[in-house]
Amino acid sequence: MGRPNPPPSETGPAPLIARPVDPPPPHIRAAPGRFTRENTAIAAAFVLFVLLGCATAALGSAMPALRREYGGGNLVIVYNLGAFLTIAVLGFGRWSERARALSTGPLAGAFVVGCLVIAWAPDRLTLIPGVALAGAGYGGLALALNSAFARGFGERRVTMLNLLNGAFGAGAVCGPIAVAMADDPGTVFLLLAVAIPLTWPVHTRAAAGAPADHTPAEPVPVPVPVRQRAGTWAPFALLTFVYAGIETGIGAWESTHLTELGTGSGAAAVFTALFWTSLALGRLLVPVLAPDVPPGRLVVGGLAGATLLLPFAAFGAATPVVYASVGVALAPVLPSALAWMAAVTGPAVADRSTATLLTASMIGGACLSLPVQLAADSGHPAAIPWTFAAIGCVACAAALLTMRTTRPRD
């Protein structure tokens, strides 16, 4: 008889045995060009942000007409305050991820009702609660989706957040154009109220969580003391607080500035759309033109460029072009700030960090609109861009402070 075969250990390495392989993460598993649940939910998030941008920009462009019909006042402040309250409650309350995801349905409903009230309000006392309700829906939806995108996508979060907010900018382009084309601004908000429910079945899944962060390069963040966390978050909050005064302010007051210079209300609304167009295009081009630039440098460079350009808007002939150029410069600031903070704090606290920045943004948009309104009421149109330039100087200082006091993992 021949000698029996020795065990594998005596003849060399053991033969390879097929082992089950874990399924790839959702964002890899989704095949290009196929309609998966993940791709559909993300697409719905983009569509929803287009509609939110359309409503937000339409309100600013419709403000001259609304002020003539319902009296003076700053409806943008009311809109931002409604958004701020919702972000504060959802962002800092002890809510589970499932509860936050399920809240997107009622938030979308609040936005729809608010748009309907704006469209059909018989008087000012009815209009103001409708604007606040629409703002509340907008704020909650913006928090849910920005948090989901900041929490997921790993190293692609800068790209995806710029694309998401680029969708908002694309909608903001359509808002002023729609106001200029419509006989009554209320028609625009009525159409938005009809369109929003079409995204309900799928944007809830997007808010429940974008593809999880599977990037192994970033270690799981270790919880830090509250005092240390506040010291990290405060510069970011200051940065977005001041930045919102520029972006929201231009979107709300460019039409007023141009009409004071003698431009017709329809043309002023179109030029405001040009600002939102440049903002949207800039955000869509960031992943192409600056894919490897750290988010901190994008923030500082964008704010510096906008601040240098804004004084030139005081010259009437160049005003629309200057505002459009400022839109390009501002484009990467907010999405990159969200990605920057997520890289510093880690995706585990994305909901709270995103809520911090969006809350600061809403407060800044409301508070810093007041000095712009004073400039608009002064009777000197040039005071409006100079006020924006002053706010830009403060924003640049806040961005440099943030770079100095934080160490992002770029």
Protein backbone atom coordinates (compact mmCIF):
# COMPACT_ATOMS: atom_id res chain seq x y z
CA MET A 1 0.00 0.00 0.00
CA GLY A 2 1.14 3.52 -0.72
CA ARG A 3 1.72 5.96 1.99
CA PRO A 4 -1.40 8.01 2.81
CA ASN A 5 -1.38 11.61 1.74
CA PRO A 6 -0.06 13.86 4.48
CA PRO A 7 -2.21 16.65 5.83
CA PRO A 8 -2.06 19.94 3.95
CA SER A 9 0.20 21.47 6.61
CA GLU A 10 3.01 19.06 5.65
CA THR A 11 2.90 19.73 1.90
CA GLY A 12 2.53 23.50 1.87
CA PRO A 13 -0.09 26.07 2.47
CA ALA A 14 -3.68 24.97 2.81
CA PRO A 15 -5.82 25.32 -0.29
CA LEU A 16 -7.87 28.50 -0.56
CA ILE A 17 -11.40 28.06 0.63
CA ALA A 18 -14.12 30.28 -0.73
CA ARG A 19 -15.54 32.48 2.00
CA PRO A 20 -18.68 34.57 1.85
CA VAL A 21 -17.91 38.17 1.10
CA ASP A 22 -19.74 40.96 2.88
CA PRO A 23 -21.95 42.96 0.54
CA PRO A 24 -20.47 46.30 -0.51
CA PRO A 25 -21.82 49.48 1.04
CA PRO A 26 -24.97 50.94 -0.54
CA HIS A 27 -23.23 53.69 -2.50
CA ILE A 28 -20.96 51.07 -4.15
CA ARG A 29 -23.69 48.48 -4.56
CA ALA A 30 -25.85 50.84 -6.59
CA ALA A 31 -25.02 50.18 -10.23
CA PRO A 32 -24.68 53.24 -12.45
CA GLY A 33 -27.76 53.95 -14.48
CA ARG A 34 -30.02 51.68 -12.42
CA PHE A 35 -32.94 52.89 -10.35
CA THR A 36 -32.13 51.61 -6.87
CA ARG A 37 -33.82 52.74 -3.68
CA GLU A 38 -30.67 54.59 -2.62
CA ASN A 39 -30.30 56.43 -5.93
CA THR A 40 -34.00 57.29 -6.01
CA ALA A 41 -33.93 58.68 -2.47
CA ILE A 42 -30.86 60.80 -3.20
CA ALA A 43 -32.43 62.08 -6.43
CA ALA A 44 -35.56 63.02 -4.48
CA ALA A 45 -33.40 64.98 -2.04
CA PHE A 46 -31.98 66.97 -4.93
CA VAL A 47 -35.46 67.65 -6.33
CA LEU A 48 -36.71 68.75 -2.93
CA PHE A 49 -33.79 71.14 -2.54
CA VAL A 50 -34.57 72.62 -5.96
CA LEU A 51 -38.10 73.40 -4.74
CA LEU A 52 -36.88 74.81 -1.43
CA GLY A 53 -34.44 77.07 -3.24
CA CYS A 54 -37.17 78.23 -5.59
CA ALA A 55 -39.43 79.21 -2.69
CA THR A 56 -36.70 80.95 -0.71
CA ALA A 57 -35.49 83.05 -3.65
CA ALA A 58 -39.04 83.75 -4.84
CA LEU A 59 -39.88 85.25 -1.45
CA GLY A 60 -36.98 87.69 -1.71
CA SER A 61 -37.86 88.69 -5.27
CA ALA A 62 -41.54 89.04 -4.44
CA MET A 63 -40.85 91.25 -1.43
CA PRO A 64 -41.28 94.59 -3.27
CA ALA A 65 -44.69 93.46 -4.57
CA LEU A 66 -45.70 91.98 -1.22
CA ARG A 67 -44.67 95.14 0.62
CA ARG A 68 -46.78 97.22 -1.75
CA GLU A 69 -49.80 94.97 -1.29
CA TYR A 70 -49.56 94.18 2.43
CA GLY A 71 -47.48 97.07 3.80
CA GLY A 72 -43.87 97.41 4.93
CA GLY A 73 -41.87 94.87 6.84
CA ASN A 74 -39.20 92.27 6.25
CA LEU A 75 -40.79 88.91 5.46
CA VAL A 76 -37.36 87.29 5.04
CA ILE A 77 -36.76 87.75 8.77
CA VAL A 78 -40.07 86.03 9.55
CA TYR A 79 -39.18 83.17 7.17
CA ASN A 80 -35.74 82.71 8.74
CA LEU A 81 -37.10 82.84 12.29
CA GLY A 82 -39.53 80.05 11.48
CA ALA A 83 -36.66 78.01 10.08
CA PHE A 84 -34.50 78.77 13.11
CA LEU A 85 -37.09 77.53 15.60
CA THR A 86 -37.51 74.24 13.77
CA ILE A 87 -33.77 73.66 13.45
CA ALA A 88 -33.27 74.41 17.14
CA VAL A 89 -35.99 71.97 18.22
CA LEU A 90 -34.99 69.13 15.89
CA GLY A 91 -31.24 69.67 15.95
CA PHE A 92 -30.68 70.02 19.67
CA GLY A 93 -33.56 67.97 21.05
CA ARG A 94 -33.12 64.34 22.06
CA TRP A 95 -34.65 62.78 18.96
CA SER A 96 -33.78 59.42 17.50
CA GLU A 97 -32.65 59.18 13.88
CA ARG A 98 -35.91 57.44 13.00
CA ALA A 99 -37.95 60.22 14.60
CA ARG A 100 -36.00 62.85 12.65
CA ALA A 101 -36.58 60.91 9.43
CA LEU A 102 -40.30 60.54 10.08
CA SER A 103 -40.57 64.26 10.81
CA THR A 104 -39.86 65.14 7.19
CA GLY A 105 -43.46 64.34 6.19
CA PRO A 106 -45.03 66.83 8.65
CA LEU A 107 -42.33 69.36 7.83
CA ALA A 108 -43.11 69.11 4.12
CA GLY A 109 -46.78 69.48 5.02
CA ALA A 110 -46.04 72.64 6.99
CA PHE A 111 -44.13 74.02 4.03
CA VAL A 112 -47.06 73.28 1.70
CA VAL A 113 -49.58 74.95 4.00
CA GLY A 114 -47.31 77.97 4.37
CA CYS A 115 -47.01 78.34 0.60
CA LEU A 116 -50.79 78.13 0.25
CA VAL A 117 -51.26 80.86 2.86
CA ILE A 118 -48.74 83.11 1.07
CA ALA A 119 -50.62 82.54 -2.18
CA TRP A 120 -54.09 83.25 -0.79
CA ALA A 121 -53.50 85.52 2.23
CA PRO A 122 -56.27 88.15 2.41
CA ASP A 123 -54.33 90.48 4.72
CA ARG A 124 -51.02 91.00 6.50
CA LEU A 125 -52.14 89.26 9.71
CA THR A 126 -52.68 86.06 7.73
CA LEU A 127 -49.58 86.44 5.57
CA ILE A 128 -47.03 86.60 8.41
CA PRO A 129 -48.00 83.24 10.04
CA GLY A 130 -47.96 81.64 6.58
CA VAL A 131 -44.43 82.89 5.91
CA ALA A 132 -43.30 81.65 9.32
CA LEU A 133 -44.86 78.23 8.71
CA ALA A 134 -43.18 77.91 5.32
CA GLY A 135 -39.89 78.89 6.93
CA ALA A 136 -40.37 76.24 9.61
CA GLY A 137 -40.86 73.54 7.00
CA TYR A 138 -37.87 74.75 5.03
CA GLY A 139 -35.58 74.79 8.07
CA GLY A 140 -36.47 71.30 9.21
CA LEU A 141 -36.08 69.78 5.75
CA ALA A 142 -32.75 71.55 5.18
CA LEU A 143 -31.47 70.22 8.51
CA ALA A 144 -32.55 66.64 7.83
CA LEU A 145 -31.01 66.38 4.38
CA ASN A 146 -27.82 68.34 5.06
CA SER A 147 -27.20 66.17 8.13
CA ALA A 148 -27.72 62.98 6.13
CA PHE A 149 -25.29 64.10 3.43
CA ALA A 150 -22.70 65.28 5.96
CA ARG A 151 -22.97 61.97 7.83
CA GLY A 152 -22.53 59.84 4.72
CA PHE A 153 -20.37 59.62 1.62
CA GLY A 154 -17.02 59.64 3.47
CA GLU A 155 -14.38 61.58 1.55
CA ARG A 156 -17.03 62.53 -1.02
CA ARG A 157 -18.99 64.63 1.47
CA VAL A 158 -17.56 67.93 0.14
CA THR A 159 -18.63 66.99 -3.38
CA MET A 160 -22.09 65.75 -2.40
CA LEU A 161 -22.85 68.70 -0.13
CA ASN A 162 -21.82 71.12 -2.88
CA LEU A 163 -24.07 69.26 -5.33
CA LEU A 164 -26.98 69.22 -2.86
CA ASN A 165 -26.71 72.93 -2.19
CA GLY A 166 -26.11 73.47 -5.89
CA ALA A 167 -29.57 71.99 -6.41
CA PHE A 168 -30.88 74.57 -3.93
CA GLY A 169 -29.17 77.26 -5.99
CA ALA A 170 -30.66 75.89 -9.19
CA GLY A 171 -34.10 76.24 -7.67
CA ALA A 172 -33.22 79.71 -6.46
CA VAL A 173 -32.54 80.62 -10.08
CA CYS A 174 -36.07 79.62 -11.06
CA GLY A 175 -37.75 81.49 -8.20
CA PRO A 176 -37.04 85.09 -9.30
CA ILE A 177 -37.67 84.21 -12.95
CA ALA A 178 -41.04 82.72 -12.02
CA VAL A 179 -41.90 85.84 -10.00
CA ALA A 180 -40.97 88.05 -12.96
CA MET A 181 -43.12 85.98 -15.35
CA ALA A 182 -46.15 85.61 -13.09
CA ASP A 183 -48.88 88.22 -12.89
CA ASP A 184 -49.17 87.55 -9.16
CA PRO A 185 -46.32 86.24 -6.94
CA GLY A 186 -48.88 84.08 -5.16
CA THR A 187 -49.11 81.88 -8.26
CA VAL A 188 -45.50 80.78 -7.78
CA PHE A 189 -46.13 79.65 -4.21
CA LEU A 190 -49.31 77.88 -5.26
CA LEU A 191 -47.37 75.83 -7.82
CA LEU A 192 -44.71 75.01 -5.21
CA ALA A 193 -47.41 73.78 -2.84
CA VAL A 194 -48.56 71.37 -5.55
CA ALA A 195 -45.05 70.15 -6.42
CA ILE A 196 -43.67 69.45 -2.93
CA PRO A 197 -45.94 66.44 -2.13
CA LEU A 198 -44.58 64.59 -5.16
CA THR A 199 -41.29 64.03 -3.31
CA TRP A 200 -42.80 62.77 -0.03
CA PRO A 201 -42.57 59.00 -0.57
CA VAL A 202 -38.83 59.03 -1.19
CA HIS A 203 -37.19 62.01 0.48
CA THR A 204 -38.01 60.47 3.87
CA ARG A 205 -35.63 57.61 3.00
CA ALA A 206 -32.96 60.12 2.02
CA ALA A 207 -33.31 61.91 5.35
CA ALA A 208 -33.18 58.60 7.20
CA GLY A 209 -29.58 58.31 6.07
CA ALA A 210 -27.45 58.79 3.04
CA PRO A 211 -24.97 56.02 2.35
CA ALA A 212 -23.06 55.46 5.51
CA ASP A 213 -19.51 56.66 5.86
CA HIS A 214 -17.51 53.52 5.06
CA THR A 215 -14.21 55.31 4.54
CA PRO A 216 -11.61 53.59 6.75
CA ALA A 217 -9.18 56.49 6.59
CA GLU A 218 -10.98 58.43 9.29
CA PRO A 219 -11.00 56.84 12.74
CA VAL A 220 -14.15 56.78 14.80
CA PRO A 221 -14.18 60.04 16.75
CA VAL A 222 -13.67 59.85 20.48
CA PRO A 223 -16.23 61.82 22.49
CA VAL A 224 -14.79 65.07 23.75
CA PRO A 225 -15.82 67.14 26.75
CA VAL A 226 -18.63 69.61 26.21
CA ARG A 227 -16.34 72.57 26.87
CA GLN A 228 -13.81 71.38 24.30
CA ARG A 229 -16.59 70.68 21.78
CA ALA A 230 -18.04 74.16 22.27
CA GLY A 231 -14.60 75.65 21.64
CA THR A 232 -14.43 73.74 18.35
CA TRP A 233 -17.96 74.52 17.20
CA ALA A 234 -18.11 78.20 18.16
CA PRO A 235 -15.84 79.49 15.34
CA PHE A 236 -17.87 77.55 12.77
CA ALA A 237 -21.10 78.98 14.18
CA LEU A 238 -19.70 82.51 14.00
CA LEU A 239 -18.52 81.92 10.44
CA THR A 240 -21.91 80.74 9.15
CA PHE A 241 -23.75 83.41 11.18
CA VAL A 242 -21.89 86.17 9.35
CA TYR A 243 -21.84 84.40 5.98
CA ALA A 244 -25.63 84.11 5.95
CA GLY A 245 -25.88 87.87 6.19
CA ILE A 246 -24.26 88.10 2.75
CA GLU A 247 -25.92 85.27 0.83
CA THR A 248 -29.40 85.67 2.29
CA GLY A 249 -29.08 89.43 2.24
CA ILE A 250 -28.18 89.66 -1.44
CA GLY A 251 -30.94 87.22 -2.38
CA ALA A 252 -33.47 89.29 -0.43
CA TRP A 253 -32.28 92.84 -1.12
CA GLU A 254 -30.75 92.85 -4.62
CA SER A 255 -34.17 93.50 -6.17
CA THR A 256 -34.74 96.39 -3.78
CA HIS A 257 -31.29 97.83 -4.51
CA LEU A 258 -31.83 97.65 -8.27
CA THR A 259 -35.31 99.17 -8.13
CA GLU A 260 -33.90 102.08 -6.13
CA LEU A 261 -31.39 102.57 -8.95
CA GLY A 262 -34.30 102.83 -11.41
CA THR A 263 -34.46 99.26 -12.70
CA GLY A 264 -37.94 97.88 -13.33
CA SER A 265 -39.25 95.29 -10.88
CA GLY A 266 -39.34 92.55 -13.54
CA ALA A 267 -35.77 93.20 -14.65
CA ALA A 268 -34.64 93.39 -11.03
CA ALA A 269 -36.12 89.95 -10.39
CA VAL A 270 -34.28 88.56 -13.43
CA PHE A 271 -30.99 90.04 -12.21
CA THR A 272 -31.61 88.46 -8.81
CA ALA A 273 -32.03 85.15 -10.63
CA LEU A 274 -28.63 85.79 -12.21
CA PHE A 275 -27.10 85.93 -8.72
CA TRP A 276 -28.68 82.60 -7.79
CA THR A 277 -27.58 81.17 -11.15
CA SER A 278 -23.96 82.03 -10.48
CA LEU A 279 -24.25 80.62 -6.96
CA ALA A 280 -25.66 77.34 -8.26
CA LEU A 281 -23.16 77.02 -11.09
CA GLY A 282 -20.30 77.72 -8.73
CA ARG A 283 -21.38 74.91 -6.41
CA LEU A 284 -21.79 72.50 -9.28
CA LEU A 285 -18.33 73.38 -10.61
CA VAL A 286 -16.48 73.06 -7.30
CA PRO A 287 -16.20 69.24 -7.55
CA VAL A 288 -14.81 69.64 -11.08
CA LEU A 289 -12.46 72.60 -10.69
CA ALA A 290 -11.28 72.14 -7.12
CA PRO A 291 -11.79 68.49 -6.14
CA ASP A 292 -8.67 68.31 -3.97
CA VAL A 293 -8.75 71.76 -2.36
CA PRO A 294 -9.32 71.51 1.42
CA PRO A 295 -12.70 72.89 2.47
CA GLY A 296 -11.12 75.47 4.76
CA ARG A 297 -9.27 77.09 1.88
CA LEU A 298 -12.42 77.09 -0.23
CA VAL A 299 -14.26 78.93 2.55
CA VAL A 300 -11.57 81.58 3.09
CA GLY A 301 -10.95 82.13 -0.62
CA GLY A 302 -14.65 82.44 -1.43
CA LEU A 303 -15.31 84.98 1.32
CA ALA A 304 -12.25 87.04 0.43
CA GLY A 305 -13.22 87.19 -3.23
CA ALA A 306 -16.80 88.22 -2.45
CA THR A 307 -15.68 90.93 -0.03
CA LEU A 308 -13.32 92.45 -2.58
CA LEU A 309 -16.04 92.50 -5.25
CA LEU A 310 -18.97 93.90 -3.25
CA PRO A 311 -17.93 97.60 -3.15
CA PHE A 312 -18.08 97.67 -6.97
CA ALA A 313 -21.84 97.04 -6.74
CA ALA A 314 -22.18 100.66 -5.63
CA PHE A 315 -21.67 101.68 -9.26
CA GLY A 316 -25.08 101.38 -10.91
CA ALA A 317 -24.03 100.18 -14.35
CA ALA A 318 -22.00 97.27 -12.98
CA THR A 319 -24.32 96.24 -10.13
CA PRO A 320 -25.95 93.12 -11.69
CA VAL A 321 -22.61 91.80 -12.97
CA VAL A 322 -20.94 92.37 -9.62
CA TYR A 323 -23.67 90.54 -7.71
CA ALA A 324 -23.39 87.62 -10.16
CA SER A 325 -19.63 87.50 -9.63
CA VAL A 326 -20.15 87.56 -5.87
CA GLY A 327 -22.43 84.54 -6.27
CA VAL A 328 -19.61 82.58 -7.91
CA ALA A 329 -17.23 83.52 -5.10
CA LEU A 330 -19.71 82.59 -2.36
CA ALA A 331 -20.69 79.30 -3.96
CA PRO A 332 -18.42 76.89 -2.05
CA VAL A 333 -18.62 78.58 1.35
CA LEU A 334 -21.62 77.00 3.09
CA PRO A 335 -21.34 73.42 1.72
CA SER A 336 -17.60 73.40 2.37
CA ALA A 337 -18.14 74.72 5.90
CA LEU A 338 -20.55 71.84 6.58
CA ALA A 339 -18.04 69.32 5.23
CA TRP A 340 -15.19 71.03 7.08
CA MET A 341 -16.97 70.78 10.42
CA ALA A 342 -17.98 67.17 9.76
CA ALA A 343 -14.31 66.35 9.14
CA VAL A 344 -13.31 68.04 12.38
CA THR A 345 -16.00 66.60 14.66
CA GLY A 346 -16.66 63.28 12.89
CA PRO A 347 -19.87 61.95 11.32
CA ALA A 348 -21.15 60.56 14.64
CA VAL A 349 -22.32 64.04 15.67
CA ALA A 350 -23.34 65.21 12.20
CA ASP A 351 -26.91 66.02 13.24
CA ARG A 352 -25.87 68.35 16.04
CA SER A 353 -22.97 69.93 14.16
CA THR A 354 -25.15 70.55 11.09
CA ALA A 355 -27.89 71.95 13.33
CA THR A 356 -25.34 74.27 14.91
CA LEU A 357 -24.27 75.69 11.56
CA LEU A 358 -27.77 75.94 10.10
CA THR A 359 -29.10 77.54 13.29
CA ALA A 360 -26.30 80.10 13.20
CA SER A 361 -27.04 80.66 9.52
CA MET A 362 -30.73 81.26 10.13
CA ILE A 363 -30.06 83.63 13.03
CA GLY A 364 -27.46 85.46 10.97
CA GLY A 365 -29.80 85.76 8.01
CA ALA A 366 -32.45 87.27 10.27
CA CYS A 367 -30.23 89.52 12.41
CA LEU A 368 -27.90 90.82 9.71
CA SER A 369 -30.83 91.64 7.48
CA LEU A 370 -31.62 94.49 9.87
CA PRO A 371 -28.56 96.66 9.06
CA VAL A 372 -29.20 96.03 5.36
CA GLN A 373 -32.78 97.21 5.82
CA LEU A 374 -31.50 100.34 7.55
CA ALA A 375 -29.17 100.92 4.59
CA ALA A 376 -32.08 100.43 2.18
CA ASP A 377 -34.26 102.89 4.13
CA SER A 378 -31.49 105.51 4.23
CA GLY A 379 -32.29 106.73 0.73
CA HIS A 380 -28.74 106.04 -0.50
CA PRO A 381 -28.69 102.91 -2.72
CA ALA A 382 -24.89 102.63 -2.49
CA ALA A 383 -25.22 102.00 1.25
CA ILE A 384 -26.57 98.49 0.55
CA PRO A 385 -23.46 96.98 -1.12
CA TRP A 386 -21.15 98.77 1.30
CA THR A 387 -23.06 97.17 4.16
CA PHE A 388 -22.58 93.77 2.52
CA ALA A 389 -18.86 94.51 2.14
CA ALA A 390 -18.58 95.34 5.83
CA ILE A 391 -20.29 92.07 6.71
CA GLY A 392 -17.88 90.31 4.34
CA CYS A 393 -14.88 91.69 6.23
CA VAL A 394 -16.24 90.23 9.45
CA ALA A 395 -16.89 86.91 7.69
CA CYS A 396 -13.27 86.75 6.46
CA ALA A 397 -12.01 87.36 9.98
CA ALA A 398 -14.31 84.62 11.30
CA ALA A 399 -13.02 82.17 8.65
CA LEU A 400 -9.39 82.89 9.53
CA LEU A 401 -10.23 82.43 13.22
CA THR A 402 -11.80 79.08 12.41
CA MET A 403 -8.70 77.94 10.53
CA ARG A 404 -6.52 78.94 13.44
CA THR A 405 -8.55 77.30 16.20
CA THR A 406 -9.44 74.01 14.49
CA ARG A 407 -7.48 71.23 12.93
CA PRO A 408 -9.66 69.56 10.28
CA ARG A 409 -8.62 66.24 8.80
CA ASP A 410 -8.54 67.57 5.24
